[in-house]
Amino acid sequence: MYAGIQGGNIQAMIWQNVGEKGPFFATTFSRPFKDQAGAWRNGTSFGFNDLEALMNVAFEAKEWMTARTLKR
């Protein structure tokens, strides 16, 4: 993991990868929740009430990646 961003109950994890054209960033989004046994899990589906937080976190992730990509 390179960086983590959280907004509400949504998390974005930003990863740096290396490809043929050099390094690049990729992002995964998740929604932590407790299962029936009380263990924390990460879901990758988002309900109606999650969408605004997902959009905000995605925007912040894009801004973070853009700032670091332009510095190269």
N, C-alpha and C. Protein backbone atom coordinates (compact mmCIF):
# COMPACT_ATOMS: atom_id res chain seq x y z
N MET A 1 0.85 -1.19 0.00
CA MET A 1 0.00 0.00 0.00
C MET A 1 0.88 1.23 0.00
N TYR A 2 0.46 2.22 -0.72
CA TYR A 2 1.18 3.47 -0.81
C TYR A 2 0.52 4.54 0.05
N ALA A 3 -0.82 4.59 0.03
CA ALA A 3 -1.55 5.57 0.84
C ALA A 3 -2.97 5.08 1.07
N GLY A 4 -3.58 5.59 2.12
CA GLY A 4 -4.97 5.26 2.41
C GLY A 4 -5.77 6.53 2.65
N ILE A 5 -6.97 6.56 2.14
CA ILE A 5 -7.87 7.71 2.30
C ILE A 5 -9.19 7.17 2.80
N GLN A 6 -9.78 7.86 3.77
CA GLN A 6 -11.06 7.41 4.30
C GLN A 6 -12.03 8.58 4.35
N GLY A 7 -13.27 8.28 4.03
CA GLY A 7 -14.35 9.25 4.13
C GLY A 7 -15.62 8.52 4.53
N GLY A 8 -16.19 8.89 5.66
CA GLY A 8 -17.35 8.16 6.14
C GLY A 8 -16.96 6.73 6.38
N ASN A 9 -17.73 5.80 5.84
CA ASN A 9 -17.42 4.38 6.02
C ASN A 9 -16.75 3.77 4.79
N ILE A 10 -16.18 4.61 3.93
CA ILE A 10 -15.54 4.14 2.70
C ILE A 10 -14.03 4.37 2.79
N GLN A 11 -13.27 3.39 2.34
CA GLN A 11 -11.82 3.51 2.32
C GLN A 11 -11.30 3.34 0.90
N ALA A 12 -10.28 4.12 0.56
CA ALA A 12 -9.56 3.94 -0.69
C ALA A 12 -8.12 3.60 -0.34
N MET A 13 -7.59 2.56 -0.94
CA MET A 13 -6.20 2.21 -0.77
C MET A 13 -5.52 2.46 -2.11
N ILE A 14 -4.45 3.22 -2.08
CA ILE A 14 -3.74 3.56 -3.31
C ILE A 14 -2.45 2.76 -3.34
N TRP A 15 -2.23 2.11 -4.45
CA TRP A 15 -1.07 1.24 -4.63
C TRP A 15 -0.21 1.79 -5.76
N GLN A 16 1.09 1.67 -5.61
CA GLN A 16 1.98 2.02 -6.71
C GLN A 16 2.45 0.73 -7.36
N ASN A 17 2.31 0.66 -8.65
CA ASN A 17 2.73 -0.49 -9.44
C ASN A 17 3.76 -0.03 -10.46
N VAL A 18 4.47 -0.97 -11.02
CA VAL A 18 5.44 -0.65 -12.07
C VAL A 18 5.06 -1.43 -13.32
N GLY A 19 4.90 -0.70 -14.41
CA GLY A 19 4.57 -1.31 -15.68
C GLY A 19 5.67 -1.07 -16.69
N GLU A 20 5.42 -1.45 -17.92
CA GLU A 20 6.40 -1.27 -18.98
C GLU A 20 6.77 0.20 -19.18
N LYS A 21 5.83 1.10 -18.91
CA LYS A 21 6.07 2.53 -19.10
C LYS A 21 6.48 3.23 -17.81
N GLY A 22 6.76 2.45 -16.77
CA GLY A 22 7.19 3.03 -15.50
C GLY A 22 6.12 2.89 -14.42
N PRO A 23 6.33 3.58 -13.29
CA PRO A 23 5.39 3.45 -12.18
C PRO A 23 4.04 4.12 -12.46
N PHE A 24 3.00 3.54 -11.87
CA PHE A 24 1.66 4.11 -11.97
C PHE A 24 0.90 3.74 -10.71
N PHE A 25 -0.18 4.45 -10.44
CA PHE A 25 -1.00 4.20 -9.26
C PHE A 25 -2.29 3.48 -9.63
N ALA A 26 -2.77 2.66 -8.72
CA ALA A 26 -4.07 2.01 -8.85
C ALA A 26 -4.78 2.13 -7.50
N THR A 27 -6.09 2.07 -7.53
CA THR A 27 -6.88 2.27 -6.31
C THR A 27 -7.89 1.15 -6.13
N THR A 28 -8.05 0.72 -4.88
CA THR A 28 -9.13 -0.18 -4.52
C THR A 28 -10.00 0.52 -3.49
N PHE A 29 -11.29 0.27 -3.55
CA PHE A 29 -12.25 0.86 -2.62
C PHE A 29 -12.90 -0.25 -1.81
N SER A 30 -13.18 0.03 -0.55
CA SER A 30 -13.83 -0.97 0.29
C SER A 30 -14.71 -0.29 1.33
N ARG A 31 -15.57 -1.10 1.92
CA ARG A 31 -16.48 -0.66 2.97
C ARG A 31 -16.36 -1.65 4.12
N PRO A 32 -15.64 -1.27 5.18
CA PRO A 32 -15.50 -2.19 6.32
C PRO A 32 -16.85 -2.46 7.00
N PHE A 33 -17.04 -3.70 7.46
CA PHE A 33 -18.25 -4.06 8.20
C PHE A 33 -17.93 -5.25 9.09
N LYS A 34 -18.75 -5.47 10.10
CA LYS A 34 -18.60 -6.63 10.98
C LYS A 34 -19.55 -7.72 10.50
N ASP A 35 -19.03 -8.94 10.41
CA ASP A 35 -19.88 -10.06 10.02
C ASP A 35 -20.68 -10.55 11.23
N GLN A 36 -21.45 -11.61 11.05
CA GLN A 36 -22.31 -12.12 12.12
C GLN A 36 -21.53 -12.59 13.35
N ALA A 37 -20.27 -12.99 13.15
CA ALA A 37 -19.43 -13.44 14.26
C ALA A 37 -18.70 -12.28 14.93
N GLY A 38 -18.87 -11.08 14.39
CA GLY A 38 -18.21 -9.91 14.98
C GLY A 38 -16.83 -9.61 14.42
N ALA A 39 -16.40 -10.36 13.40
CA ALA A 39 -15.09 -10.13 12.78
C ALA A 39 -15.22 -9.04 11.71
N TRP A 40 -14.20 -8.20 11.60
CA TRP A 40 -14.21 -7.15 10.59
C TRP A 40 -13.91 -7.74 9.22
N ARG A 41 -14.66 -7.32 8.24
CA ARG A 41 -14.49 -7.73 6.84
C ARG A 41 -14.50 -6.46 5.98
N ASN A 42 -14.05 -6.59 4.74
CA ASN A 42 -14.10 -5.47 3.79
C ASN A 42 -15.00 -5.84 2.63
N GLY A 43 -16.08 -5.10 2.48
CA GLY A 43 -16.99 -5.32 1.37
C GLY A 43 -16.58 -4.48 0.17
N THR A 44 -16.94 -4.95 -1.00
CA THR A 44 -16.65 -4.20 -2.22
C THR A 44 -17.92 -3.85 -2.98
N SER A 45 -19.04 -3.97 -2.32
CA SER A 45 -20.30 -3.50 -2.90
C SER A 45 -20.77 -2.32 -2.06
N PHE A 46 -21.47 -1.41 -2.71
CA PHE A 46 -21.83 -0.16 -2.06
C PHE A 46 -23.31 0.11 -2.27
N GLY A 47 -23.99 0.43 -1.19
CA GLY A 47 -25.41 0.74 -1.26
C GLY A 47 -25.65 2.20 -1.58
N PHE A 48 -26.89 2.53 -1.74
CA PHE A 48 -27.29 3.89 -2.07
C PHE A 48 -26.69 4.90 -1.09
N ASN A 49 -26.72 4.59 0.20
CA ASN A 49 -26.23 5.52 1.21
C ASN A 49 -24.71 5.63 1.23
N ASP A 50 -24.01 4.74 0.54
CA ASP A 50 -22.55 4.80 0.48
C ASP A 50 -22.03 5.63 -0.70
N LEU A 51 -22.88 5.91 -1.66
CA LEU A 51 -22.40 6.46 -2.93
C LEU A 51 -21.79 7.85 -2.82
N GLU A 52 -22.35 8.72 -1.99
CA GLU A 52 -21.77 10.06 -1.87
C GLU A 52 -20.37 9.98 -1.25
N ALA A 53 -20.21 9.18 -0.20
CA ALA A 53 -18.89 9.01 0.41
C ALA A 53 -17.93 8.38 -0.59
N LEU A 54 -18.39 7.42 -1.38
CA LEU A 54 -17.56 6.78 -2.39
C LEU A 54 -17.08 7.81 -3.42
N MET A 55 -17.98 8.67 -3.87
CA MET A 55 -17.59 9.71 -4.83
C MET A 55 -16.56 10.66 -4.23
N ASN A 56 -16.76 11.06 -2.97
CA ASN A 56 -15.82 11.97 -2.33
C ASN A 56 -14.45 11.33 -2.15
N VAL A 57 -14.41 10.09 -1.72
CA VAL A 57 -13.14 9.39 -1.53
C VAL A 57 -12.46 9.17 -2.88
N ALA A 58 -13.22 8.84 -3.91
CA ALA A 58 -12.65 8.66 -5.25
C ALA A 58 -12.04 9.97 -5.74
N PHE A 59 -12.71 11.08 -5.51
CA PHE A 59 -12.18 12.38 -5.91
C PHE A 59 -10.87 12.69 -5.16
N GLU A 60 -10.85 12.44 -3.85
CA GLU A 60 -9.63 12.67 -3.07
C GLU A 60 -8.49 11.78 -3.55
N ALA A 61 -8.80 10.53 -3.88
CA ALA A 61 -7.77 9.61 -4.39
C ALA A 61 -7.23 10.12 -5.72
N LYS A 62 -8.11 10.60 -6.58
CA LYS A 62 -7.68 11.14 -7.87
C LYS A 62 -6.77 12.35 -7.67
N GLU A 63 -7.15 13.24 -6.76
CA GLU A 63 -6.33 14.42 -6.47
C GLU A 63 -4.96 14.01 -5.94
N TRP A 64 -4.93 13.03 -5.04
CA TRP A 64 -3.67 12.54 -4.47
C TRP A 64 -2.77 11.99 -5.56
N MET A 65 -3.35 11.14 -6.43
CA MET A 65 -2.55 10.54 -7.51
C MET A 65 -2.09 11.58 -8.51
N THR A 66 -2.96 12.53 -8.83
CA THR A 66 -2.60 13.58 -9.78
C THR A 66 -1.42 14.41 -9.27
N ALA A 67 -1.46 14.78 -8.00
CA ALA A 67 -0.38 15.58 -7.43
C ALA A 67 0.95 14.84 -7.50
N ARG A 68 0.95 13.55 -7.28
CA ARG A 68 2.19 12.78 -7.30
C ARG A 68 2.63 12.41 -8.71
N THR A 69 1.70 12.30 -9.63
CA THR A 69 2.05 11.99 -11.01
C THR A 69 2.66 13.21 -11.69
N LEU A 70 2.15 14.40 -11.40
CA LEU A 70 2.64 15.62 -12.03
C LEU A 70 4.04 15.99 -11.56
N LYS A 71 4.45 15.51 -10.38
CA LYS A 71 5.78 15.81 -9.85
C LYS A 71 6.89 15.06 -10.57
N ARG A 72 6.53 14.04 -11.33
CA ARG A 72 7.55 13.22 -12.01
C ARG A 72 8.10 13.92 -13.21
